[in-house]
Amino acid sequence: MGNKIAFLLIIINLSVVSCQSVKTKTDNNENSSFKNQFFSNPSVIYNLKKFVTGNQINILDSKKLVTDKSLTFKNDIEDPTINIVTDKNDFINYSIQQYTVNEDLAFVVIWEYGKNRALWFFLNKGKTNQKWYLIEALERTTR
């Protein structure tokens, strides 16, 4: 009887550990989906390119809020390429200061690098199609 209980406890423990690892992978996929939808959103691109000349927007993520490695997003031929970099270089346009993504709400603050202007993005996730929608994009000063 003791062996059966021990065997049952081991099986339950393995099942719980397996479910936790699946949940972690799902959370990472959701975060990746948000990143893709956010940096490909035409309204976000419009707000970012208002203060940038050229075909590239370089965003510094020194706090590694979005990613641990460099990322590139290209939505359309006419849209600029958005590069997320983790190390400073000479061609930084913006810096990510706040990046909060919850189950159905997100808040992202991106500062214009070397200036006192910040862009605040508020997003909501649709309940039926699970896509992120920009609710509001505000321009604020940081001082």
C-alpha atoms as a PDB file:
ATOM      1  CA  MET A   1       0.000   0.000   0.000  1.00  0.00           C
ATOM      2  CA  GLY A   2       2.878   2.399   0.841  1.00  0.00           C
ATOM      3  CA  ASN A   3       4.511   1.784  -2.544  1.00  0.00           C
ATOM      4  CA  LYS A   4       1.270   2.605  -4.372  1.00  0.00           C
ATOM      5  CA  ILE A   5       0.908   5.908  -2.507  1.00  0.00           C
ATOM      6  CA  ALA A   6       4.548   6.843  -3.175  1.00  0.00           C
ATOM      7  CA  PHE A   7       4.131   5.960  -6.868  1.00  0.00           C
ATOM      8  CA  LEU A   8       0.921   8.024  -7.048  1.00  0.00           C
ATOM      9  CA  LEU A   9       2.655  11.032  -5.429  1.00  0.00           C
ATOM     10  CA  ILE A  10       5.527  10.804  -7.927  1.00  0.00           C
ATOM     11  CA  ILE A  11       3.083  10.720 -10.868  1.00  0.00           C
ATOM     12  CA  ILE A  12       1.140  13.716  -9.512  1.00  0.00           C
ATOM     13  CA  ASN A  13       4.353  15.648  -8.933  1.00  0.00           C
ATOM     14  CA  LEU A  14       5.571  14.966 -12.489  1.00  0.00           C
ATOM     15  CA  SER A  15       2.211  16.040 -13.896  1.00  0.00           C
ATOM     16  CA  VAL A  16       2.295  19.331 -12.002  1.00  0.00           C
ATOM     17  CA  VAL A  17       5.870  20.057 -13.122  1.00  0.00           C
ATOM     18  CA  SER A  18       4.947  19.284 -16.753  1.00  0.00           C
ATOM     19  CA  CYS A  19       1.971  21.646 -16.653  1.00  0.00           C
ATOM     20  CA  GLN A  20       4.114  24.450 -15.217  1.00  0.00           C
ATOM     21  CA  SER A  21       6.655  24.181 -18.032  1.00  0.00           C
ATOM     22  CA  VAL A  22       3.881  24.313 -20.644  1.00  0.00           C
ATOM     23  CA  LYS A  23       2.462  27.453 -19.024  1.00  0.00           C
ATOM     24  CA  THR A  24       5.863  29.142 -19.123  1.00  0.00           C
ATOM     25  CA  LYS A  25       6.193  28.439 -22.847  1.00  0.00           C
ATOM     26  CA  THR A  26       2.700  29.843 -23.448  1.00  0.00           C
ATOM     27  CA  ASP A  27       3.554  33.030 -21.544  1.00  0.00           C
ATOM     28  CA  ASN A  28       6.671  33.513 -23.676  1.00  0.00           C
ATOM     29  CA  ASN A  29       4.624  33.030 -26.861  1.00  0.00           C
ATOM     30  CA  GLU A  30       2.101  35.610 -25.658  1.00  0.00           C
ATOM     31  CA  ASN A  31       4.894  38.075 -24.911  1.00  0.00           C
ATOM     32  CA  SER A  32       6.410  37.448 -28.343  1.00  0.00           C
ATOM     33  CA  SER A  33       2.992  37.953 -29.923  1.00  0.00           C
ATOM     34  CA  PHE A  34       2.617  41.265 -28.108  1.00  0.00           C
ATOM     35  CA  LYS A  35       6.056  42.446 -29.255  1.00  0.00           C
ATOM     36  CA  ASN A  36       5.275  41.577 -32.879  1.00  0.00           C
ATOM     37  CA  GLN A  37       1.856  43.212 -32.785  1.00  0.00           C
ATOM     38  CA  PHE A  38       3.121  46.298 -30.937  1.00  0.00           C
ATOM     39  CA  PHE A  39       6.114  47.061 -33.162  1.00  0.00           C
ATOM     40  CA  SER A  40       4.112  46.251 -36.326  1.00  0.00           C
ATOM     41  CA  ASN A  41       1.132  48.406 -35.352  1.00  0.00           C
ATOM     42  CA  PRO A  42       0.715  51.222 -37.934  1.00  0.00           C
ATOM     43  CA  SER A  43      -0.251  53.739 -35.230  1.00  0.00           C
ATOM     44  CA  VAL A  44       2.829  52.919 -33.159  1.00  0.00           C
ATOM     45  CA  ILE A  45       5.042  53.183 -36.249  1.00  0.00           C
ATOM     46  CA  TYR A  46       3.420  56.512 -37.167  1.00  0.00           C
ATOM     47  CA  ASN A  47       4.094  57.941 -33.694  1.00  0.00           C
ATOM     48  CA  LEU A  48       7.685  56.698 -33.660  1.00  0.00           C
ATOM     49  CA  LYS A  49       8.591  57.982 -37.119  1.00  0.00           C
ATOM     50  CA  LYS A  50       7.238  61.493 -36.433  1.00  0.00           C
ATOM     51  CA  PHE A  51      10.566  62.403 -34.824  1.00  0.00           C
ATOM     52  CA  VAL A  52      12.935  60.279 -36.938  1.00  0.00           C
ATOM     53  CA  THR A  53      14.415  60.878 -40.356  1.00  0.00           C
ATOM     54  CA  GLY A  54      15.433  57.934 -42.472  1.00  0.00           C
ATOM     55  CA  ASN A  55      14.271  54.343 -42.822  1.00  0.00           C
ATOM     56  CA  GLN A  56      15.460  53.000 -39.471  1.00  0.00           C
ATOM     57  CA  ILE A  57      14.248  53.500 -35.933  1.00  0.00           C
ATOM     58  CA  ASN A  58      16.721  52.321 -33.294  1.00  0.00           C
ATOM     59  CA  ILE A  59      15.321  51.776 -29.809  1.00  0.00           C
ATOM     60  CA  LEU A  60      17.634  51.154 -26.860  1.00  0.00           C
ATOM     61  CA  ASP A  61      16.497  48.545 -24.336  1.00  0.00           C
ATOM     62  CA  SER A  62      19.344  48.891 -21.826  1.00  0.00           C
ATOM     63  CA  LYS A  63      17.173  47.595 -18.956  1.00  0.00           C
ATOM     64  CA  LYS A  64      16.292  44.545 -21.096  1.00  0.00           C
ATOM     65  CA  LEU A  65      12.576  45.058 -20.516  1.00  0.00           C
ATOM     66  CA  VAL A  66      11.608  43.755 -23.963  1.00  0.00           C
ATOM     67  CA  THR A  67      14.426  41.393 -24.890  1.00  0.00           C
ATOM     68  CA  ASP A  68      17.871  40.140 -23.942  1.00  0.00           C
ATOM     69  CA  LYS A  69      19.119  40.266 -27.528  1.00  0.00           C
ATOM     70  CA  SER A  70      18.726  42.568 -30.513  1.00  0.00           C
ATOM     71  CA  LEU A  71      15.466  42.324 -32.470  1.00  0.00           C
ATOM     72  CA  THR A  72      14.359  43.713 -35.829  1.00  0.00           C
ATOM     73  CA  PHE A  73      10.798  44.400 -36.976  1.00  0.00           C
ATOM     74  CA  LYS A  74       9.833  45.220 -40.560  1.00  0.00           C
ATOM     75  CA  ASN A  75       6.129  45.472 -41.325  1.00  0.00           C
ATOM     76  CA  ASP A  76       5.888  46.879 -44.849  1.00  0.00           C
ATOM     77  CA  ILE A  77       8.286  48.052 -47.541  1.00  0.00           C
ATOM     78  CA  GLU A  78       7.249  51.664 -46.951  1.00  0.00           C
ATOM     79  CA  ASP A  79       7.538  51.417 -43.154  1.00  0.00           C
ATOM     80  CA  PRO A  80      10.869  51.982 -41.433  1.00  0.00           C
ATOM     81  CA  THR A  81      12.783  49.079 -39.911  1.00  0.00           C
ATOM     82  CA  ILE A  82      12.530  49.053 -36.119  1.00  0.00           C
ATOM     83  CA  ASN A  83      15.630  47.759 -34.342  1.00  0.00           C
ATOM     84  CA  ILE A  84      15.594  46.969 -30.628  1.00  0.00           C
ATOM     85  CA  VAL A  85      19.181  47.055 -29.342  1.00  0.00           C
ATOM     86  CA  THR A  86      20.506  46.295 -25.867  1.00  0.00           C
ATOM     87  CA  ASP A  87      23.823  48.168 -26.111  1.00  0.00           C
ATOM     88  CA  LYS A  88      24.324  51.884 -26.684  1.00  0.00           C
ATOM     89  CA  ASN A  89      25.593  52.961 -30.051  1.00  0.00           C
ATOM     90  CA  ASP A  90      25.727  56.265 -31.914  1.00  0.00           C
ATOM     91  CA  PHE A  91      22.426  55.804 -33.731  1.00  0.00           C
ATOM     92  CA  ILE A  92      19.822  55.555 -30.956  1.00  0.00           C
ATOM     93  CA  ASN A  93      16.499  57.311 -31.585  1.00  0.00           C
ATOM     94  CA  TYR A  94      14.524  56.133 -28.553  1.00  0.00           C
ATOM     95  CA  SER A  95      14.932  54.389 -25.216  1.00  0.00           C
ATOM     96  CA  ILE A  96      12.385  52.045 -23.600  1.00  0.00           C
ATOM     97  CA  GLN A  97      11.647  53.168 -20.048  1.00  0.00           C
ATOM     98  CA  GLN A  98       8.496  51.205 -19.142  1.00  0.00           C
ATOM     99  CA  TYR A  99       7.174  47.962 -20.568  1.00  0.00           C
ATOM    100  CA  THR A 100       4.262  46.406 -18.711  1.00  0.00           C
ATOM    101  CA  VAL A 101       2.176  43.703 -20.370  1.00  0.00           C
ATOM    102  CA  ASN A 102      -0.676  42.116 -18.444  1.00  0.00           C
ATOM    103  CA  GLU A 103      -3.260  39.595 -19.595  1.00  0.00           C
ATOM    104  CA  ASP A 104      -5.323  42.138 -21.532  1.00  0.00           C
ATOM    105  CA  LEU A 105      -3.731  45.547 -20.871  1.00  0.00           C
ATOM    106  CA  ALA A 106      -0.319  46.928 -21.782  1.00  0.00           C
ATOM    107  CA  PHE A 107       1.563  50.148 -21.097  1.00  0.00           C
ATOM    108  CA  VAL A 108       4.765  51.077 -22.929  1.00  0.00           C
ATOM    109  CA  VAL A 109       6.792  54.266 -22.434  1.00  0.00           C
ATOM    110  CA  ILE A 110       9.459  55.148 -24.977  1.00  0.00           C
ATOM    111  CA  TRP A 111      11.645  58.241 -24.509  1.00  0.00           C
ATOM    112  CA  GLU A 112      13.186  60.141 -27.359  1.00  0.00           C
ATOM    113  CA  TYR A 113      16.889  59.567 -26.765  1.00  0.00           C
ATOM    114  CA  GLY A 114      18.716  62.652 -25.484  1.00  0.00           C
ATOM    115  CA  LYS A 115      15.544  64.752 -25.465  1.00  0.00           C
ATOM    116  CA  ASN A 116      12.799  65.438 -22.932  1.00  0.00           C
ATOM    117  CA  ARG A 117       9.947  63.936 -24.984  1.00  0.00           C
ATOM    118  CA  ALA A 118       8.249  60.637 -24.148  1.00  0.00           C
ATOM    119  CA  LEU A 119       5.625  58.586 -25.961  1.00  0.00           C
ATOM    120  CA  TRP A 120       3.132  56.675 -23.831  1.00  0.00           C
ATOM    121  CA  PHE A 121       1.266  53.795 -25.468  1.00  0.00           C
ATOM    122  CA  PHE A 122      -1.815  52.185 -23.896  1.00  0.00           C
ATOM    123  CA  LEU A 123      -3.034  48.932 -25.471  1.00  0.00           C
ATOM    124  CA  ASN A 124      -5.929  46.564 -24.891  1.00  0.00           C
ATOM    125  CA  LYS A 125      -6.256  42.951 -26.001  1.00  0.00           C
ATOM    126  CA  GLY A 126      -9.450  42.070 -27.857  1.00  0.00           C
ATOM    127  CA  LYS A 127     -11.489  39.322 -26.205  1.00  0.00           C
ATOM    128  CA  THR A 128     -12.708  37.642 -29.374  1.00  0.00           C
ATOM    129  CA  ASN A 129      -9.672  37.685 -31.646  1.00  0.00           C
ATOM    130  CA  GLN A 130      -6.856  38.047 -29.056  1.00  0.00           C
ATOM    131  CA  LYS A 131      -5.220  40.938 -30.968  1.00  0.00           C
ATOM    132  CA  TRP A 132      -3.730  43.999 -29.296  1.00  0.00           C
ATOM    133  CA  TYR A 133      -5.334  47.369 -30.077  1.00  0.00           C
ATOM    134  CA  LEU A 134      -3.832  50.765 -29.411  1.00  0.00           C
ATOM    135  CA  ILE A 135      -6.182  52.672 -27.116  1.00  0.00           C
ATOM    136  CA  GLU A 136      -4.166  55.856 -26.776  1.00  0.00           C
ATOM    137  CA  ALA A 137      -0.776  57.249 -27.737  1.00  0.00           C
ATOM    138  CA  LEU A 138       0.250  60.304 -25.742  1.00  0.00           C
ATOM    139  CA  GLU A 139       3.203  62.605 -26.131  1.00  0.00           C
ATOM    140  CA  ARG A 140       4.576  63.893 -22.818  1.00  0.00           C
ATOM    141  CA  THR A 141       7.621  65.774 -21.656  1.00  0.00           C
ATOM    142  CA  THR A 142       9.898  64.058 -19.159  1.00  0.00           C
ATOM    143  CA  ARG A 143      10.544  67.223 -17.142  1.00  0.00           C
END
